[in-house]
Amino acid sequence: MVHRQLRASESAESARFTIREKEFLRLACTDLTHRQVAEIMSPSKRTVDGYREALFHKLNVHSRVGLAKEAIRIQLIRV
């Protein structure tokens, strides 16, 4: 029962993020530069900057390292 509640909580946490935000998180947790991430995801760097800012706000972090650490902590990214 507790295991089922934990999984439901993880699913709810994951549902807070769009597919594109999750894709950005996956790429941001690599050694790619923001420019390289933008080239992979979108023709516009500003669009990717918007994903980053939205995720900073949603995860209450202020840096790319903080973003990666929090994404790992809430299991959006696996190490």
C-alpha atoms as a PDB file:
ATOM      1  CA  MET A   1       0.000   0.000   0.000  1.00  0.00           C
ATOM      2  CA  VAL A   2       2.753   2.462   0.919  1.00  0.00           C
ATOM      3  CA  HIS A   3       4.668   1.458  -2.218  1.00  0.00           C
ATOM      4  CA  ARG A   4       1.567   2.155  -4.328  1.00  0.00           C
ATOM      5  CA  GLN A   5       1.125   5.589  -2.696  1.00  0.00           C
ATOM      6  CA  LEU A   6       4.781   6.407  -3.341  1.00  0.00           C
ATOM      7  CA  ARG A   7       4.400   5.490  -7.028  1.00  0.00           C
ATOM      8  CA  ALA A   8       1.252   7.631  -7.293  1.00  0.00           C
ATOM      9  CA  SER A   9       3.120  10.531  -5.715  1.00  0.00           C
ATOM     10  CA  GLU A  10       6.022  10.104  -8.176  1.00  0.00           C
ATOM     11  CA  SER A  11       3.579  10.011 -11.100  1.00  0.00           C
ATOM     12  CA  ALA A  12       1.881  13.185  -9.889  1.00  0.00           C
ATOM     13  CA  GLU A  13       5.278  14.868  -9.531  1.00  0.00           C
ATOM     14  CA  SER A  14       6.287  13.824 -13.029  1.00  0.00           C
ATOM     15  CA  ALA A  15       2.964  15.047 -14.452  1.00  0.00           C
ATOM     16  CA  ARG A  16       3.838  18.633 -13.427  1.00  0.00           C
ATOM     17  CA  PHE A  17       6.277  18.792 -16.329  1.00  0.00           C
ATOM     18  CA  THR A  18       5.655  18.934 -20.061  1.00  0.00           C
ATOM     19  CA  ILE A  19       7.300  16.480 -22.435  1.00  0.00           C
ATOM     20  CA  ARG A  20       9.549  19.281 -23.730  1.00  0.00           C
ATOM     21  CA  GLU A  21      10.562  20.279 -20.182  1.00  0.00           C
ATOM     22  CA  LYS A  22      11.489  16.672 -19.460  1.00  0.00           C
ATOM     23  CA  GLU A  23      13.483  16.550 -22.685  1.00  0.00           C
ATOM     24  CA  PHE A  24      15.270  19.756 -21.676  1.00  0.00           C
ATOM     25  CA  LEU A  25      16.058  18.268 -18.248  1.00  0.00           C
ATOM     26  CA  ARG A  26      17.527  15.156 -19.850  1.00  0.00           C
ATOM     27  CA  LEU A  27      19.767  17.244 -22.096  1.00  0.00           C
ATOM     28  CA  ALA A  28      20.621  19.808 -19.399  1.00  0.00           C
ATOM     29  CA  CYS A  29      21.968  17.000 -17.220  1.00  0.00           C
ATOM     30  CA  THR A  30      24.664  16.298 -19.803  1.00  0.00           C
ATOM     31  CA  ASP A  31      27.791  18.258 -20.617  1.00  0.00           C
ATOM     32  CA  LEU A  32      26.105  19.954 -23.598  1.00  0.00           C
ATOM     33  CA  THR A  33      26.097  23.751 -23.629  1.00  0.00           C
ATOM     34  CA  HIS A  34      22.789  25.623 -23.627  1.00  0.00           C
ATOM     35  CA  ARG A  35      23.425  26.504 -27.270  1.00  0.00           C
ATOM     36  CA  GLN A  36      23.875  22.816 -28.142  1.00  0.00           C
ATOM     37  CA  VAL A  37      20.698  21.937 -26.228  1.00  0.00           C
ATOM     38  CA  ALA A  38      18.853  24.632 -28.197  1.00  0.00           C
ATOM     39  CA  GLU A  39      20.176  23.278 -31.494  1.00  0.00           C
ATOM     40  CA  ILE A  40      18.901  19.806 -30.602  1.00  0.00           C
ATOM     41  CA  MET A  41      15.516  20.927 -29.268  1.00  0.00           C
ATOM     42  CA  SER A  42      14.464  23.976 -31.197  1.00  0.00           C
ATOM     43  CA  PRO A  43      15.505  26.524 -33.788  1.00  0.00           C
ATOM     44  CA  SER A  44      15.213  29.225 -31.115  1.00  0.00           C
ATOM     45  CA  LYS A  45      17.539  29.533 -28.132  1.00  0.00           C
ATOM     46  CA  ARG A  46      14.892  31.761 -26.503  1.00  0.00           C
ATOM     47  CA  THR A  47      12.407  28.878 -26.500  1.00  0.00           C
ATOM     48  CA  VAL A  48      14.924  26.695 -24.680  1.00  0.00           C
ATOM     49  CA  ASP A  49      15.660  29.556 -22.274  1.00  0.00           C
ATOM     50  CA  GLY A  50      11.932  29.555 -21.509  1.00  0.00           C
ATOM     51  CA  TYR A  51      12.031  25.840 -20.626  1.00  0.00           C
ATOM     52  CA  ARG A  52      15.004  26.487 -18.345  1.00  0.00           C
ATOM     53  CA  GLU A  53      13.309  29.400 -16.575  1.00  0.00           C
ATOM     54  CA  ALA A  54      10.042  27.469 -16.137  1.00  0.00           C
ATOM     55  CA  LEU A  55      11.943  24.538 -14.639  1.00  0.00           C
ATOM     56  CA  PHE A  56      13.967  26.801 -12.342  1.00  0.00           C
ATOM     57  CA  HIS A  57      10.650  28.128 -11.045  1.00  0.00           C
ATOM     58  CA  LYS A  58       8.890  24.742 -10.777  1.00  0.00           C
ATOM     59  CA  LEU A  59      11.853  23.108  -9.019  1.00  0.00           C
ATOM     60  CA  ASN A  60      12.743  26.199  -6.973  1.00  0.00           C
ATOM     61  CA  VAL A  61      16.395  26.243  -8.067  1.00  0.00           C
ATOM     62  CA  HIS A  62      18.699  28.938  -9.422  1.00  0.00           C
ATOM     63  CA  SER A  63      21.355  27.105 -11.435  1.00  0.00           C
ATOM     64  CA  ARG A  64      21.843  24.285 -13.899  1.00  0.00           C
ATOM     65  CA  VAL A  65      23.539  22.218 -11.190  1.00  0.00           C
ATOM     66  CA  GLY A  66      20.584  22.788  -8.871  1.00  0.00           C
ATOM     67  CA  LEU A  67      18.268  21.811 -11.689  1.00  0.00           C
ATOM     68  CA  ALA A  68      20.126  18.552 -12.265  1.00  0.00           C
ATOM     69  CA  LYS A  69      20.313  17.711  -8.552  1.00  0.00           C
ATOM     70  CA  GLU A  70      16.592  18.309  -8.021  1.00  0.00           C
ATOM     71  CA  ALA A  71      15.639  16.365 -11.165  1.00  0.00           C
ATOM     72  CA  ILE A  72      17.654  13.414  -9.870  1.00  0.00           C
ATOM     73  CA  ARG A  73      16.197  13.754  -6.371  1.00  0.00           C
ATOM     74  CA  ILE A  74      12.590  13.609  -7.605  1.00  0.00           C
ATOM     75  CA  GLN A  75      13.549  10.838 -10.054  1.00  0.00           C
ATOM     76  CA  LEU A  76      12.856  12.680 -13.299  1.00  0.00           C
ATOM     77  CA  ILE A  77      16.426  11.843 -14.316  1.00  0.00           C
ATOM     78  CA  ARG A  78      18.257   8.610 -13.526  1.00  0.00           C
ATOM     79  CA  VAL A  79      21.978   8.481 -12.936  1.00  0.00           C
END
